[in-house]
C-alpha atoms as a PDB file:
ATOM      1  CA  UNK A   1      -0.035   0.244  -0.094  1.00  0.00           C
ATOM      2  CA  UNK A   2       2.651   2.413   1.115  1.00  0.00           C
ATOM      3  CA  UNK A   3       4.739   1.705  -1.882  1.00  0.00           C
ATOM      4  CA  UNK A   4       1.907   2.010  -4.380  1.00  0.00           C
ATOM      5  CA  UNK A   5       1.288   5.404  -3.088  1.00  0.00           C
ATOM      6  CA  UNK A   6       5.244   6.373  -3.102  1.00  0.00           C
ATOM      7  CA  UNK A   7       5.184   5.128  -6.587  1.00  0.00           C
ATOM      8  CA  UNK A   8       2.111   7.066  -7.827  1.00  0.00           C
ATOM      9  CA  UNK A   9       3.564  10.315  -6.191  1.00  0.00           C
ATOM     10  CA  UNK A  10       6.936   9.662  -8.070  1.00  0.00           C
ATOM     11  CA  UNK A  11       4.897   9.062 -11.451  1.00  0.00           C
ATOM     12  CA  UNK A  12       2.896  11.970 -10.904  1.00  0.00           C
ATOM     13  CA  UNK A  13       6.274  14.381 -10.220  1.00  0.00           C
ATOM     14  CA  UNK A  14       7.853  13.034 -13.313  1.00  0.00           C
ATOM     15  CA  UNK A  15       4.705  13.472 -15.355  1.00  0.00           C
ATOM     16  CA  UNK A  16       4.531  16.988 -14.030  1.00  0.00           C
ATOM     17  CA  UNK A  17       8.341  17.628 -15.162  1.00  0.00           C
ATOM     18  CA  UNK A  18       7.578  16.475 -18.502  1.00  0.00           C
ATOM     19  CA  UNK A  19       4.573  18.536 -19.143  1.00  0.00           C
ATOM     20  CA  UNK A  20       6.544  21.685 -17.645  1.00  0.00           C
ATOM     21  CA  UNK A  21       9.381  21.128 -19.916  1.00  0.00           C
ATOM     22  CA  UNK A  22       7.076  21.082 -22.711  1.00  0.00           C
ATOM     23  CA  UNK A  23       6.113  24.624 -22.282  1.00  0.00           C
ATOM     24  CA  UNK A  24       8.928  26.221 -20.559  1.00  0.00           C
ATOM     25  CA  UNK A  25      12.612  26.469 -20.595  1.00  0.00           C
ATOM     26  CA  UNK A  26      15.861  27.686 -18.810  1.00  0.00           C
ATOM     27  CA  UNK A  27      17.601  30.703 -19.818  1.00  0.00           C
ATOM     28  CA  UNK A  28      19.816  33.588 -18.533  1.00  0.00           C
ATOM     29  CA  UNK A  29      18.009  36.669 -18.935  1.00  0.00           C
ATOM     30  CA  UNK A  30      17.301  40.271 -17.753  1.00  0.00           C
ATOM     31  CA  UNK A  31      14.172  42.317 -17.630  1.00  0.00           C
ATOM     32  CA  UNK A  32      15.717  45.865 -17.294  1.00  0.00           C
ATOM     33  CA  UNK A  33      18.866  47.391 -18.161  1.00  0.00           C
ATOM     34  CA  UNK A  34      21.701  47.803 -15.601  1.00  0.00           C
ATOM     35  CA  UNK A  35      24.886  45.939 -14.490  1.00  0.00           C
ATOM     36  CA  UNK A  36      25.429  42.344 -13.831  1.00  0.00           C
ATOM     37  CA  UNK A  37      23.044  42.231 -10.665  1.00  0.00           C
ATOM     38  CA  UNK A  38      19.925  42.401 -13.203  1.00  0.00           C
ATOM     39  CA  UNK A  39      20.914  39.059 -14.633  1.00  0.00           C
ATOM     40  CA  UNK A  40      18.514  36.223 -13.840  1.00  0.00           C
ATOM     41  CA  UNK A  41      18.620  32.661 -14.400  1.00  0.00           C
ATOM     42  CA  UNK A  42      15.349  30.637 -14.276  1.00  0.00           C
ATOM     43  CA  UNK A  43      12.451  29.238 -16.379  1.00  0.00           C
ATOM     44  CA  UNK A  44      10.588  31.280 -19.029  1.00  0.00           C
ATOM     45  CA  UNK A  45       7.500  30.388 -21.270  1.00  0.00           C
ATOM     46  CA  UNK A  46       8.909  28.291 -24.374  1.00  0.00           C
ATOM     47  CA  UNK A  47       8.727  30.697 -27.395  1.00  0.00           C
ATOM     48  CA  UNK A  48       5.876  30.318 -29.956  1.00  0.00           C
ATOM     49  CA  UNK A  49       7.342  30.561 -33.401  1.00  0.00           C
ATOM     50  CA  UNK A  50       6.051  32.571 -36.549  1.00  0.00           C
ATOM     51  CA  UNK A  51       5.572  30.581 -39.808  1.00  0.00           C
ATOM     52  CA  UNK A  52       8.998  31.987 -40.844  1.00  0.00           C
ATOM     53  CA  UNK A  53      11.156  31.065 -38.092  1.00  0.00           C
ATOM     54  CA  UNK A  54      12.603  27.889 -36.228  1.00  0.00           C
ATOM     55  CA  UNK A  55      13.088  27.197 -32.810  1.00  0.00           C
ATOM     56  CA  UNK A  56      16.218  25.923 -31.540  1.00  0.00           C
ATOM     57  CA  UNK A  57      17.130  24.291 -28.310  1.00  0.00           C
ATOM     58  CA  UNK A  58      20.334  25.985 -27.447  1.00  0.00           C
ATOM     59  CA  UNK A  59      22.871  23.755 -25.688  1.00  0.00           C
ATOM     60  CA  UNK A  60      25.771  26.290 -25.830  1.00  0.00           C
ATOM     61  CA  UNK A  61      25.827  29.973 -25.898  1.00  0.00           C
ATOM     62  CA  UNK A  62      28.650  32.534 -26.151  1.00  0.00           C
ATOM     63  CA  UNK A  63      28.524  35.634 -24.044  1.00  0.00           C
ATOM     64  CA  UNK A  64      30.409  38.524 -25.578  1.00  0.00           C
ATOM     65  CA  UNK A  65      30.568  42.368 -25.662  1.00  0.00           C
ATOM     66  CA  UNK A  66      27.237  42.823 -27.514  1.00  0.00           C
ATOM     67  CA  UNK A  67      25.374  40.883 -24.617  1.00  0.00           C
ATOM     68  CA  UNK A  68      26.842  43.287 -21.891  1.00  0.00           C
ATOM     69  CA  UNK A  69      26.165  46.447 -23.952  1.00  0.00           C
ATOM     70  CA  UNK A  70      22.543  45.285 -24.584  1.00  0.00           C
ATOM     71  CA  UNK A  71      22.504  44.594 -20.693  1.00  0.00           C
ATOM     72  CA  UNK A  72      23.540  48.072 -19.838  1.00  0.00           C
ATOM     73  CA  UNK A  73      21.016  49.561 -22.476  1.00  0.00           C
ATOM     74  CA  UNK A  74      23.751  50.873 -24.841  1.00  0.00           C
ATOM     75  CA  UNK A  75      23.100  48.169 -27.874  1.00  0.00           C
ATOM     76  CA  UNK A  76      19.459  48.237 -27.823  1.00  0.00           C
ATOM     77  CA  UNK A  77      17.450  46.097 -30.363  1.00  0.00           C
ATOM     78  CA  UNK A  78      13.341  46.121 -30.640  1.00  0.00           C
ATOM     79  CA  UNK A  79      11.956  46.128 -27.206  1.00  0.00           C
ATOM     80  CA  UNK A  80      10.709  42.824 -25.740  1.00  0.00           C
ATOM     81  CA  UNK A  81      10.830  41.523 -22.271  1.00  0.00           C
ATOM     82  CA  UNK A  82      12.481  39.407 -21.072  1.00  0.00           C
ATOM     83  CA  UNK A  83      16.004  39.831 -22.707  1.00  0.00           C
ATOM     84  CA  UNK A  84      17.589  36.557 -23.209  1.00  0.00           C
ATOM     85  CA  UNK A  85      21.320  36.539 -23.331  1.00  0.00           C
ATOM     86  CA  UNK A  86      23.205  34.648 -25.945  1.00  0.00           C
ATOM     87  CA  UNK A  87      23.558  36.353 -29.268  1.00  0.00           C
ATOM     88  CA  UNK A  88      25.856  33.492 -30.485  1.00  0.00           C
ATOM     89  CA  UNK A  89      24.599  29.815 -29.844  1.00  0.00           C
ATOM     90  CA  UNK A  90      24.675  26.114 -30.966  1.00  0.00           C
ATOM     91  CA  UNK A  91      21.880  23.884 -30.679  1.00  0.00           C
ATOM     92  CA  UNK A  92      19.403  21.466 -32.254  1.00  0.00           C
ATOM     93  CA  UNK A  93      16.359  22.710 -34.301  1.00  0.00           C
ATOM     94  CA  UNK A  94      13.500  21.273 -32.809  1.00  0.00           C
ATOM     95  CA  UNK A  95      10.408  23.089 -34.525  1.00  0.00           C
ATOM     96  CA  UNK A  96      10.133  24.666 -37.862  1.00  0.00           C
ATOM     97  CA  UNK A  97       7.704  27.276 -39.104  1.00  0.00           C
ATOM     98  CA  UNK A  98       5.413  26.104 -41.929  1.00  0.00           C
ATOM     99  CA  UNK A  99       6.830  28.738 -44.553  1.00  0.00           C
ATOM    100  CA  UNK A 100      10.774  27.847 -43.817  1.00  0.00           C
ATOM    101  CA  UNK A 101      12.025  26.122 -47.046  1.00  0.00           C
ATOM    102  CA  UNK A 102      15.678  25.632 -45.858  1.00  0.00           C
ATOM    103  CA  UNK A 103      18.105  25.324 -42.995  1.00  0.00           C
ATOM    104  CA  UNK A 104      21.903  25.598 -42.869  1.00  0.00           C
ATOM    105  CA  UNK A 105      24.105  23.402 -40.489  1.00  0.00           C
ATOM    106  CA  UNK A 106      27.763  24.373 -39.691  1.00  0.00           C
END
């Protein structure tokens, strides 16, 4: 009886993590400009791609001066919160928009 309850609780926990992972991602990000103290690491909603975009599951990022300038507000691109760090990255294409006709690998 007790082992059935523990097994059920474990399976429920695993199922929750799988579902959560399907709709979220971990990221290094910031929500307002400033020094390194504004950086946060945590879970964000998984992006929804447009027809002409791909979704990449990023495995590695390179932080460079563009990321630092952007965090400080000196290298601004279109406004969208949160700002996710890692202009340069490598990963696996996991979703392809309906109007994407080709991809490149390096």
